[in-house]
N, C-alpha and C. Protein backbone atom coordinates (compact mmCIF):
# COMPACT_ATOMS: atom_id res chain seq x y z
N MET A 1 86.64 48.18 -99.09
CA MET A 1 87.50 47.45 -99.88
C MET A 1 88.52 47.02 -99.04
N THR A 2 89.21 46.04 -98.68
CA THR A 2 90.01 45.04 -98.30
C THR A 2 91.59 46.06 -98.08
N ARG A 3 91.77 45.98 -97.14
CA ARG A 3 93.81 46.49 -97.48
C ARG A 3 94.56 45.42 -96.75
N ALA A 4 95.75 44.98 -97.98
CA ALA A 4 95.91 44.04 -97.37
C ALA A 4 97.45 44.07 -97.30
N LEU A 5 98.45 43.96 -96.69
CA LEU A 5 99.54 44.36 -96.33
C LEU A 5 100.48 42.54 -96.36
N VAL A 6 101.03 42.94 -97.82
CA VAL A 6 101.12 41.39 -97.95
C VAL A 6 103.37 41.16 -97.52
N LEU A 7 103.45 40.55 -96.90
CA LEU A 7 105.05 40.50 -96.80
C LEU A 7 105.43 39.37 -97.41
N TYR A 8 106.54 39.58 -97.98
CA TYR A 8 107.10 38.44 -98.86
C TYR A 8 108.45 38.41 -98.30
N ALA A 9 108.89 37.21 -98.64
CA ALA A 9 110.64 37.31 -97.74
C ALA A 9 110.55 36.03 -98.65
N HIS A 10 111.39 36.37 -99.97
CA HIS A 10 112.60 34.49 -100.27
C HIS A 10 113.24 35.53 -101.52
N PRO A 11 114.55 35.50 -101.75
CA PRO A 11 115.88 36.03 -102.21
C PRO A 11 115.51 35.62 -103.89
N VAL A 12 114.46 34.48 -104.36
CA VAL A 12 114.78 34.31 -105.59
C VAL A 12 113.57 34.86 -106.42
N PRO A 13 113.90 35.79 -107.79
CA PRO A 13 112.28 35.87 -108.56
C PRO A 13 111.57 34.39 -108.95
N ASP A 14 112.44 33.59 -109.11
CA ASP A 14 111.54 32.92 -109.72
C ASP A 14 112.36 31.34 -108.99
N SER A 15 111.16 31.24 -107.98
CA SER A 15 111.56 29.99 -106.79
C SER A 15 110.17 30.19 -106.59
N PHE A 16 109.48 28.77 -105.81
CA PHE A 16 108.31 28.08 -105.76
C PHE A 16 107.87 29.39 -104.99
N ASN A 17 108.16 29.93 -104.21
CA ASN A 17 107.55 30.42 -103.20
C ASN A 17 106.96 31.89 -104.19
N ALA A 18 108.14 32.37 -105.25
CA ALA A 18 107.45 33.26 -106.23
C ALA A 18 106.72 33.33 -106.35
N ALA A 19 105.87 32.28 -106.66
CA ALA A 19 104.63 31.48 -107.59
C ALA A 19 103.63 31.48 -106.11
N VAL A 20 104.03 30.83 -105.25
CA VAL A 20 102.99 31.53 -104.40
C VAL A 20 102.45 32.98 -103.97
N HIS A 21 103.46 33.62 -103.95
CA HIS A 21 103.67 35.20 -104.07
C HIS A 21 102.52 35.93 -104.73
N ARG A 22 102.86 35.14 -106.45
CA ARG A 22 101.85 35.64 -107.75
C ARG A 22 100.55 35.84 -106.94
N THR A 23 100.39 34.55 -106.74
CA THR A 23 99.38 33.97 -106.83
C THR A 23 98.36 34.57 -105.58
N VAL A 24 98.77 35.16 -104.76
CA VAL A 24 98.19 35.36 -103.04
C VAL A 24 97.88 36.65 -103.98
N VAL A 25 99.24 37.73 -104.25
CA VAL A 25 98.41 39.49 -104.91
C VAL A 25 97.84 38.74 -105.67
N ASP A 26 97.63 38.60 -106.95
CA ASP A 26 97.01 38.44 -108.13
C ASP A 26 95.80 37.81 -107.45
N THR A 27 95.33 37.21 -106.77
CA THR A 27 93.66 37.14 -106.26
C THR A 27 93.23 37.75 -105.29
N LEU A 28 94.26 38.29 -104.73
CA LEU A 28 93.69 39.28 -103.19
C LEU A 28 93.06 40.79 -104.20
N THR A 29 94.12 41.04 -105.46
CA THR A 29 93.70 41.91 -106.71
C THR A 29 92.29 41.86 -107.35
N ALA A 30 92.66 40.54 -107.67
CA ALA A 30 91.57 39.90 -108.42
C ALA A 30 90.16 40.46 -107.77
N ARG A 31 90.10 40.38 -106.36
CA ARG A 31 88.63 40.34 -105.62
C ARG A 31 88.70 41.89 -105.19
N GLY A 32 89.17 43.15 -105.20
CA GLY A 32 89.04 44.42 -105.47
C GLY A 32 89.54 44.38 -104.08
N TRP A 33 90.66 43.75 -103.59
CA TRP A 33 91.38 44.60 -102.22
C TRP A 33 92.86 45.40 -103.02
N GLU A 34 92.85 46.07 -102.10
CA GLU A 34 94.32 47.32 -102.23
C GLU A 34 95.06 46.72 -101.46
N VAL A 35 96.13 46.21 -102.32
CA VAL A 35 97.23 45.12 -101.53
C VAL A 35 98.57 46.09 -101.89
N ASP A 36 99.16 45.87 -100.67
CA ASP A 36 100.20 46.73 -100.17
C ASP A 36 101.84 45.82 -100.45
N ASP A 37 101.86 45.53 -101.33
CA ASP A 37 103.02 44.48 -101.94
C ASP A 37 104.51 44.81 -101.48
N CYS A 38 104.81 44.05 -100.15
CA CYS A 38 105.86 44.47 -99.64
C CYS A 38 107.04 42.97 -99.87
N ASP A 39 107.72 43.63 -100.54
CA ASP A 39 108.84 42.26 -100.98
C ASP A 39 110.12 42.94 -99.95
N LEU A 40 110.33 42.03 -98.68
CA LEU A 40 110.61 42.67 -98.52
C LEU A 40 112.55 42.61 -98.41
N ASN A 41 112.90 41.62 -99.79
CA ASN A 41 114.67 41.22 -100.46
C ASN A 41 114.87 43.00 -101.50
N ALA A 42 113.70 42.71 -102.52
CA ALA A 42 113.32 44.17 -103.58
C ALA A 42 113.53 45.44 -103.16
N GLU A 43 112.97 45.51 -101.64
CA GLU A 43 113.12 46.68 -100.93
C GLU A 43 114.51 46.85 -100.21
N GLY A 44 114.84 45.99 -100.19
CA GLY A 44 116.09 46.51 -99.23
C GLY A 44 115.91 46.48 -98.04
N PHE A 45 115.25 45.41 -97.30
CA PHE A 45 115.02 45.89 -95.77
C PHE A 45 116.01 45.25 -94.90
N SER A 46 116.75 46.05 -94.44
CA SER A 46 117.29 45.88 -93.58
C SER A 46 116.99 44.48 -92.35
N PRO A 47 117.45 43.24 -91.63
CA PRO A 47 116.53 42.72 -90.77
C PRO A 47 117.47 43.01 -89.20
N VAL A 48 118.51 43.69 -90.15
CA VAL A 48 119.23 43.98 -87.99
C VAL A 48 118.41 45.07 -87.14
N LEU A 49 118.50 43.97 -85.94
CA LEU A 49 118.48 45.51 -85.12
C LEU A 49 119.71 45.91 -83.92
N THR A 50 119.87 47.40 -84.18
CA THR A 50 121.43 47.85 -84.30
C THR A 50 120.86 47.79 -82.61
N GLU A 51 122.07 48.58 -82.00
CA GLU A 51 121.96 48.81 -80.64
C GLU A 51 121.75 50.34 -80.72
N HIS A 52 121.42 50.81 -81.43
CA HIS A 52 120.74 52.28 -80.83
C HIS A 52 118.91 51.23 -80.74
N GLU A 53 118.94 50.66 -81.75
CA GLU A 53 117.08 50.84 -81.75
C GLU A 53 117.16 49.47 -80.61
N ARG A 54 117.98 48.98 -79.95
CA ARG A 54 117.44 47.72 -79.01
C ARG A 54 117.72 48.39 -78.12
N ARG A 55 118.16 49.35 -77.18
CA ARG A 55 118.33 50.41 -76.62
C ARG A 55 117.24 51.55 -76.00
N THR A 56 116.56 51.85 -77.35
CA THR A 56 115.63 52.44 -77.28
C THR A 56 114.43 51.90 -77.86
N TYR A 57 114.21 50.70 -77.58
CA TYR A 57 113.08 49.63 -77.85
C TYR A 57 111.83 50.19 -77.47
N HIS A 58 112.03 50.53 -76.25
CA HIS A 58 110.49 51.13 -75.42
C HIS A 58 109.78 52.54 -75.50
N ASP A 59 110.89 52.77 -76.30
CA ASP A 59 111.27 54.67 -75.32
C ASP A 59 110.08 55.07 -76.91
N GLN A 60 108.84 54.79 -76.67
CA GLN A 60 106.97 55.53 -77.56
C GLN A 60 107.26 57.38 -77.62
N PRO A 61 106.83 57.56 -78.53
CA PRO A 61 107.47 56.93 -80.10
C PRO A 61 107.94 56.76 -81.03
N GLY A 62 109.28 57.16 -80.13
CA GLY A 62 110.63 57.31 -81.02
C GLY A 62 111.03 56.43 -81.64
N ASN A 63 110.97 55.32 -80.71
CA ASN A 63 111.19 54.24 -81.45
C ASN A 63 110.57 53.22 -82.64
N ILE A 64 109.59 54.19 -83.54
CA ILE A 64 109.37 53.66 -84.14
C ILE A 64 110.06 54.53 -85.66
N GLU A 65 111.11 55.40 -85.66
CA GLU A 65 111.77 56.44 -86.36
C GLU A 65 112.00 55.70 -87.09
N PRO A 66 113.29 55.00 -86.41
CA PRO A 66 114.13 53.80 -88.17
C PRO A 66 113.14 53.00 -88.82
N VAL A 67 111.98 53.12 -88.60
CA VAL A 67 110.82 51.54 -89.51
C VAL A 67 109.32 52.49 -89.82
N ALA A 68 109.59 53.55 -89.48
CA ALA A 68 108.14 54.47 -89.54
C ALA A 68 107.40 54.01 -90.23
N GLY A 69 108.46 54.35 -92.05
CA GLY A 69 107.40 53.45 -93.85
C GLY A 69 106.77 52.59 -93.10
N TYR A 70 107.51 51.65 -91.97
CA TYR A 70 106.41 49.99 -92.12
C TYR A 70 105.54 50.25 -91.53
N VAL A 71 105.84 50.59 -90.54
CA VAL A 71 104.86 50.75 -89.14
C VAL A 71 103.55 51.41 -89.82
N ASP A 72 103.12 52.23 -90.57
CA ASP A 72 102.93 53.44 -90.86
C ASP A 72 101.64 52.12 -91.90
N ARG A 73 102.45 51.18 -93.06
CA ARG A 73 102.09 50.39 -93.83
C ARG A 73 101.36 49.04 -93.43
N LEU A 74 101.63 49.22 -92.02
CA LEU A 74 101.34 47.89 -91.04
C LEU A 74 100.23 48.52 -90.23
N ARG A 75 100.43 49.60 -90.04
CA ARG A 75 98.80 50.25 -89.13
C ARG A 75 97.77 50.38 -90.34
N ARG A 76 97.80 50.38 -91.41
CA ARG A 76 97.02 51.14 -92.18
C ARG A 76 96.34 49.80 -93.13
N ALA A 77 97.18 48.11 -92.41
CA ALA A 77 96.11 46.99 -93.13
C ALA A 77 95.32 46.55 -92.26
N GLU A 78 94.41 45.79 -92.90
CA GLU A 78 93.08 45.35 -92.46
C GLU A 78 93.57 44.00 -92.42
N ALA A 79 94.29 43.30 -93.43
CA ALA A 79 94.36 42.32 -93.59
C ALA A 79 96.13 42.00 -93.33
N LEU A 80 97.15 40.84 -92.41
CA LEU A 80 98.30 40.79 -93.13
C LEU A 80 98.91 39.10 -93.58
N ILE A 81 99.12 39.20 -94.87
CA ILE A 81 99.42 37.34 -95.75
C ILE A 81 100.98 37.84 -95.34
N MET A 82 101.65 36.88 -94.90
CA MET A 82 102.98 37.07 -94.96
C MET A 82 103.12 35.68 -95.57
N VAL A 83 104.03 35.47 -96.92
CA VAL A 83 104.37 34.52 -97.35
C VAL A 83 106.11 33.74 -97.67
N PHE A 84 106.15 32.72 -97.22
CA PHE A 84 107.82 32.76 -96.95
C PHE A 84 108.37 31.37 -96.96
N PRO A 85 109.73 30.57 -96.79
CA PRO A 85 110.04 29.62 -97.10
C PRO A 85 110.44 29.66 -95.57
N VAL A 86 110.15 28.86 -94.90
CA VAL A 86 110.76 27.60 -93.80
C VAL A 86 112.01 27.25 -93.93
N TRP A 87 112.71 28.07 -93.36
CA TRP A 87 114.64 27.68 -93.20
C TRP A 87 114.99 27.45 -92.10
N ASN A 88 115.17 26.07 -91.51
CA ASN A 88 116.19 25.50 -90.69
C ASN A 88 114.69 25.59 -89.21
N PHE A 89 113.66 25.30 -89.66
CA PHE A 89 112.24 25.44 -89.62
C PHE A 89 112.08 26.77 -88.51
N GLY A 90 112.63 27.63 -88.98
CA GLY A 90 112.35 28.91 -88.66
C GLY A 90 111.96 30.17 -89.95
N TYR A 91 112.00 31.50 -89.17
CA TYR A 91 111.83 32.10 -90.49
C TYR A 91 113.24 32.17 -91.19
N PRO A 92 113.45 33.01 -93.07
CA PRO A 92 114.32 34.00 -93.47
C PRO A 92 114.26 34.55 -92.35
N ALA A 93 115.82 35.43 -92.25
CA ALA A 93 116.75 36.26 -91.38
C ALA A 93 115.48 37.37 -91.81
N ILE A 94 114.47 37.86 -93.10
CA ILE A 94 114.51 39.41 -93.11
C ILE A 94 113.00 38.90 -92.63
N LEU A 95 112.45 38.24 -92.40
CA LEU A 95 111.23 38.24 -92.25
C LEU A 95 111.19 38.65 -90.62
N LYS A 96 111.78 37.44 -90.10
CA LYS A 96 112.20 37.62 -88.48
C LYS A 96 113.35 39.22 -88.04
N GLY A 97 113.56 39.55 -88.84
CA GLY A 97 114.04 40.85 -88.85
C GLY A 97 112.91 41.96 -88.59
N PHE A 98 111.90 41.76 -89.77
CA PHE A 98 110.94 42.80 -89.80
C PHE A 98 109.92 42.48 -88.95
N LEU A 99 109.38 41.46 -88.05
CA LEU A 99 108.93 41.55 -86.51
C LEU A 99 109.69 41.87 -85.70
N ASP A 100 111.36 41.72 -85.72
CA ASP A 100 112.24 41.96 -84.61
C ASP A 100 112.26 43.92 -84.29
N ARG A 101 111.92 44.41 -85.22
CA ARG A 101 112.50 45.92 -85.92
C ARG A 101 110.79 46.47 -85.87
N VAL A 102 109.97 46.07 -86.45
CA VAL A 102 108.61 46.60 -86.58
C VAL A 102 107.45 46.48 -85.54
N PHE A 103 107.40 45.23 -85.13
CA PHE A 103 106.30 44.70 -84.11
C PHE A 103 107.21 45.39 -82.59
N LEU A 104 106.74 46.17 -82.93
CA LEU A 104 107.55 47.00 -81.38
C LEU A 104 106.70 47.59 -80.22
N PRO A 105 106.67 48.12 -79.28
CA PRO A 105 105.80 48.17 -77.91
C PRO A 105 105.70 49.57 -78.97
N GLY A 106 104.13 50.05 -79.06
CA GLY A 106 103.48 50.95 -79.16
C GLY A 106 102.60 50.84 -80.80
N VAL A 107 103.54 49.74 -80.82
CA VAL A 107 103.23 49.24 -82.62
C VAL A 107 101.85 48.04 -82.41
N SER A 108 102.89 46.82 -82.55
CA SER A 108 102.06 45.85 -82.99
C SER A 108 101.75 45.21 -80.99
N PHE A 109 102.19 45.88 -79.84
CA PHE A 109 101.39 45.57 -78.40
C PHE A 109 102.03 46.99 -77.54
N ALA A 110 101.52 46.95 -76.36
CA ALA A 110 101.67 47.63 -75.51
C ALA A 110 102.16 46.71 -73.95
N MET A 111 102.29 47.11 -73.01
CA MET A 111 102.14 46.20 -72.13
C MET A 111 100.85 47.34 -70.30
N ASP A 112 100.38 46.53 -70.17
CA ASP A 112 100.13 47.17 -68.84
C ASP A 112 100.17 47.02 -67.21
N ASP A 113 99.91 47.24 -66.67
CA ASP A 113 100.22 48.15 -65.71
C ASP A 113 101.04 46.40 -65.18
N ALA A 114 100.65 45.38 -65.03
CA ALA A 114 101.15 43.90 -64.27
C ALA A 114 102.17 43.59 -65.47
N GLY A 115 102.88 44.37 -66.66
CA GLY A 115 103.57 43.98 -66.88
C GLY A 115 103.09 42.94 -68.65
N HIS A 116 102.40 42.56 -68.88
CA HIS A 116 101.56 42.16 -69.54
C HIS A 116 101.52 42.53 -70.68
N VAL A 117 101.40 41.70 -72.02
CA VAL A 117 101.33 41.89 -73.34
C VAL A 117 99.50 42.25 -73.60
N VAL A 118 99.37 43.24 -74.49
CA VAL A 118 98.15 43.53 -74.47
C VAL A 118 97.67 44.17 -75.95
N PRO A 119 97.25 43.45 -76.76
CA PRO A 119 97.16 43.18 -78.31
C PRO A 119 97.22 44.47 -79.01
N ASN A 120 97.83 45.38 -79.97
CA ASN A 120 97.69 46.50 -80.17
C ASN A 120 97.60 46.63 -81.88
N LEU A 121 97.29 45.91 -82.73
CA LEU A 121 97.43 45.33 -84.32
C LEU A 121 95.46 44.88 -84.39
N LYS A 122 94.64 45.84 -83.79
CA LYS A 122 93.67 44.92 -83.70
C LYS A 122 93.27 45.38 -85.48
N ASN A 123 93.43 46.30 -85.78
CA ASN A 123 93.24 46.75 -87.16
C ASN A 123 93.49 45.30 -88.46
N ILE A 124 94.12 44.89 -87.79
CA ILE A 124 94.61 43.30 -88.54
C ILE A 124 93.08 42.23 -88.27
N ARG A 125 92.79 42.15 -89.21
CA ARG A 125 91.37 40.96 -89.01
C ARG A 125 91.76 39.85 -89.92
N LYS A 126 92.51 40.16 -90.29
CA LYS A 126 92.38 38.03 -91.24
C LYS A 126 94.51 37.74 -91.22
N LEU A 127 94.53 37.23 -91.05
CA LEU A 127 96.22 36.72 -90.77
C LEU A 127 96.29 35.60 -91.11
N ALA A 128 96.94 35.63 -92.66
CA ALA A 128 97.43 34.25 -92.94
C ALA A 128 98.91 34.47 -93.35
N ALA A 129 99.14 32.73 -93.67
CA ALA A 129 100.24 32.29 -94.04
C ALA A 129 100.90 31.73 -94.86
N CYS A 130 101.61 32.23 -96.24
CA CYS A 130 101.71 30.74 -96.58
C CYS A 130 102.97 30.48 -97.24
N THR A 131 103.22 28.85 -97.01
CA THR A 131 104.77 29.04 -96.61
C THR A 131 105.11 27.77 -97.08
N THR A 132 106.09 27.24 -96.92
CA THR A 132 106.85 25.50 -97.92
C THR A 132 107.92 25.66 -96.81
N TYR A 133 108.21 24.31 -96.98
CA TYR A 133 108.89 23.43 -95.74
C TYR A 133 109.89 22.44 -96.85
N GLY A 134 110.98 22.39 -96.80
CA GLY A 134 112.22 21.25 -97.35
C GLY A 134 111.59 20.17 -96.71
N GLY A 135 111.18 19.85 -95.71
CA GLY A 135 111.33 18.51 -94.62
C GLY A 135 109.73 18.10 -94.92
N ARG A 136 109.42 17.06 -94.81
CA ARG A 136 107.97 16.26 -94.71
C ARG A 136 107.31 17.02 -93.02
N TRP A 137 105.92 16.57 -93.17
CA TRP A 137 104.99 16.99 -92.51
C TRP A 137 105.59 16.47 -91.21
N SER A 138 105.97 14.93 -91.01
CA SER A 138 106.46 14.54 -89.50
C SER A 138 107.50 15.11 -89.10
N ARG A 139 108.52 15.22 -90.10
CA ARG A 139 110.23 15.98 -89.62
C ARG A 139 109.75 17.83 -88.27
N ALA A 140 108.56 18.33 -88.91
CA ALA A 140 107.99 19.43 -88.58
C ALA A 140 107.84 19.68 -87.41
N PHE A 141 106.72 18.53 -87.02
CA PHE A 141 105.77 17.92 -85.97
C PHE A 141 106.84 18.22 -84.76
N LEU A 142 108.01 17.04 -85.02
CA LEU A 142 109.16 16.29 -84.24
C LEU A 142 109.90 17.97 -83.53
N VAL A 143 110.29 18.56 -83.66
CA VAL A 143 110.66 20.13 -83.83
C VAL A 143 109.96 21.09 -83.09
N GLY A 144 108.39 20.45 -83.29
CA GLY A 144 107.20 21.58 -82.96
C GLY A 144 106.74 22.65 -83.33
N ASP A 145 107.21 23.02 -84.89
CA ASP A 145 107.03 23.41 -86.22
C ASP A 145 106.74 25.08 -85.33
N PRO A 146 107.51 25.57 -84.95
CA PRO A 146 107.72 26.86 -84.87
C PRO A 146 106.92 27.99 -85.57
N PRO A 147 107.31 28.06 -86.86
CA PRO A 147 106.98 28.84 -87.93
C PRO A 147 105.58 28.82 -87.66
N ARG A 148 104.81 27.47 -87.52
CA ARG A 148 103.25 27.17 -87.87
C ARG A 148 102.78 28.56 -86.06
N LYS A 149 103.84 27.92 -85.01
CA LYS A 149 103.26 28.39 -83.83
C LYS A 149 103.92 29.69 -83.59
N CYS A 150 104.82 30.77 -84.08
CA CYS A 150 104.61 32.01 -84.37
C CYS A 150 103.67 32.66 -84.80
N VAL A 151 103.22 32.11 -86.16
CA VAL A 151 102.15 32.96 -87.02
C VAL A 151 100.77 32.95 -86.02
N THR A 152 100.64 31.49 -85.63
CA THR A 152 98.74 30.95 -85.09
C THR A 152 99.19 31.82 -83.92
N ARG A 153 100.31 31.83 -82.48
CA ARG A 153 100.20 32.60 -81.66
C ARG A 153 101.14 33.29 -81.20
N ALA A 154 102.21 34.01 -81.65
CA ALA A 154 102.36 35.45 -81.43
C ALA A 154 102.03 36.14 -82.21
N VAL A 155 101.71 36.28 -83.97
CA VAL A 155 101.53 37.05 -84.32
C VAL A 155 100.16 37.07 -83.73
N TRP A 156 99.53 35.97 -83.94
CA TRP A 156 97.65 35.79 -83.83
C TRP A 156 97.46 36.49 -82.65
N HIS A 157 98.33 36.38 -81.70
CA HIS A 157 98.23 37.18 -80.47
C HIS A 157 98.20 38.91 -80.98
N VAL A 158 99.03 39.05 -80.80
CA VAL A 158 99.10 40.89 -80.99
C VAL A 158 97.77 41.27 -81.86
N CYS A 159 97.25 40.89 -82.91
CA CYS A 159 96.22 40.95 -83.78
C CYS A 159 94.79 40.80 -82.86
N ARG A 160 95.04 39.75 -83.12
CA ARG A 160 93.61 39.19 -82.43
C ARG A 160 92.58 39.21 -83.79
N PRO A 161 92.60 38.61 -85.31
CA PRO A 161 92.08 38.88 -85.84
C PRO A 161 90.73 37.85 -85.88
N ASP A 162 89.81 38.13 -86.80
CA ASP A 162 88.80 37.16 -86.58
C ASP A 162 88.61 35.94 -87.52
N LYS A 163 89.77 36.01 -88.40
CA LYS A 163 89.82 34.83 -89.45
C LYS A 163 91.75 34.27 -89.29
N THR A 164 92.18 33.16 -88.92
CA THR A 164 93.26 33.28 -89.61
C THR A 164 94.08 31.41 -90.32
N ARG A 165 94.46 31.68 -91.48
CA ARG A 165 94.83 30.65 -92.00
C ARG A 165 96.96 30.25 -92.47
N TYR A 166 97.04 29.22 -92.27
CA TYR A 166 98.15 28.72 -92.24
C TYR A 166 98.47 27.76 -93.23
N ILE A 167 98.96 28.07 -94.24
CA ILE A 167 98.61 27.81 -95.53
C ILE A 167 100.36 26.85 -96.09
N ALA A 168 100.42 25.79 -95.70
CA ALA A 168 102.00 25.06 -95.72
C ALA A 168 101.92 23.74 -96.95
N LEU A 169 102.85 23.80 -97.53
CA LEU A 169 103.28 22.65 -98.33
C LEU A 169 104.75 22.15 -98.01
N TYR A 170 104.75 21.36 -97.61
CA TYR A 170 105.41 20.31 -96.83
C TYR A 170 106.48 19.45 -98.11
N ASP A 171 107.35 18.70 -97.41
CA ASP A 171 108.23 18.05 -98.47
C ASP A 171 108.70 19.00 -99.90
N MET A 172 108.92 20.39 -99.80
CA MET A 172 109.31 20.19 -101.01
C MET A 172 110.58 19.71 -101.92
N ASN A 173 111.16 19.44 -100.90
CA ASN A 173 112.16 18.74 -101.96
C ASN A 173 112.09 17.22 -102.40
N ASN A 174 110.83 17.32 -102.89
CA ASN A 174 110.19 15.66 -103.39
C ASN A 174 109.30 16.31 -104.09
N ASN A 175 108.77 17.17 -103.86
CA ASN A 175 107.23 17.91 -104.92
C ASN A 175 107.50 17.77 -106.14
N LYS A 176 106.10 17.54 -106.90
CA LYS A 176 106.51 17.56 -108.43
C LYS A 176 105.66 18.02 -108.70
N GLU A 177 105.79 18.58 -109.94
CA GLU A 177 104.72 19.46 -110.48
C GLU A 177 103.48 19.12 -109.87
N PRO A 178 102.74 18.26 -109.83
CA PRO A 178 101.36 17.73 -109.68
C PRO A 178 100.58 18.62 -108.07
N GLN A 179 101.90 17.87 -107.32
CA GLN A 179 102.05 18.62 -105.76
C GLN A 179 101.77 20.33 -105.86
N LEU A 180 102.86 20.67 -106.84
CA LEU A 180 103.66 22.55 -106.67
C LEU A 180 101.82 22.69 -106.71
N THR A 181 101.76 22.27 -108.27
CA THR A 181 100.07 22.69 -109.06
C THR A 181 98.98 23.01 -108.08
N ALA A 182 98.16 21.71 -107.52
CA ALA A 182 97.48 21.30 -106.13
C ALA A 182 97.61 22.50 -105.17
N HIS A 183 98.91 23.05 -104.76
CA HIS A 183 98.82 24.00 -103.61
C HIS A 183 98.58 24.88 -104.34
N LEU A 184 99.91 25.96 -105.41
CA LEU A 184 98.76 26.76 -106.07
C LEU A 184 97.15 27.06 -106.05
N ALA A 185 96.67 26.02 -106.68
CA ALA A 185 95.03 25.93 -106.39
C ALA A 185 94.87 26.51 -105.26
N ARG A 186 95.42 25.70 -103.95
CA ARG A 186 94.51 26.06 -102.91
C ARG A 186 94.84 26.78 -102.47
N VAL A 187 96.31 27.56 -101.99
CA VAL A 187 96.50 29.47 -101.75
C VAL A 187 95.37 29.93 -102.50
N LYS A 188 95.21 29.67 -103.96
CA LYS A 188 93.85 30.57 -104.69
C LYS A 188 92.83 30.38 -103.80
N ARG A 189 92.46 29.28 -103.34
CA ARG A 189 90.82 29.05 -102.91
C ARG A 189 91.64 29.99 -101.24
N GLU A 190 92.10 29.79 -100.80
CA GLU A 190 92.02 30.30 -99.22
C GLU A 190 92.12 32.05 -99.55
N MET A 191 92.46 32.53 -100.50
CA MET A 191 93.19 33.57 -100.84
C MET A 191 91.17 34.17 -100.85
N GLU A 192 90.50 33.41 -101.54
CA GLU A 192 89.50 33.54 -102.05
C GLU A 192 88.36 34.15 -101.15
N THR A 193 88.42 33.09 -100.35
CA THR A 193 87.66 32.71 -98.46
C THR A 193 88.43 33.22 -97.64
N LEU A 194 89.52 33.99 -97.61
CA LEU A 194 89.89 34.89 -96.65
C LEU A 194 89.49 35.50 -95.79
């Protein structure tokens, strides 16, 4: 049985992202996966890296104390699925804060003697992001599509998974029911083969 940590980052329970989130969780559960459904907003996760956390950022293992429960959940996972909207061509603050506060030295990466980042989340064998953009693909491309690069390069680098998927729906501001329904079907297919 595969253990998945689903990181969900949208504050509105009846949003389209909520439908994507339900599709992810329901599909993985139907496959027999053990799903740790981490709704960051519902759990009241604080995205703010405090002064103390920044000052002790490299002090292992004490650096994990403020977020030890989340670190444990991340370390138990074999798959990481992030479900989030793209806002201002970036992650929602709550998801960015999760990465800032939980992807710590000794957790997601280590530093070798030359000061290079060494991947440390090798328990994550499957990585996926399910996301929506208000703008068109061309606008995301023109600004370099930072969220895609953060998932497929930065998060990928600290995990080195066997499988990576980035499942994006662009132009949310203009999509109608047929596009939304087709996207949910795509998310379901991707989760069935992850």
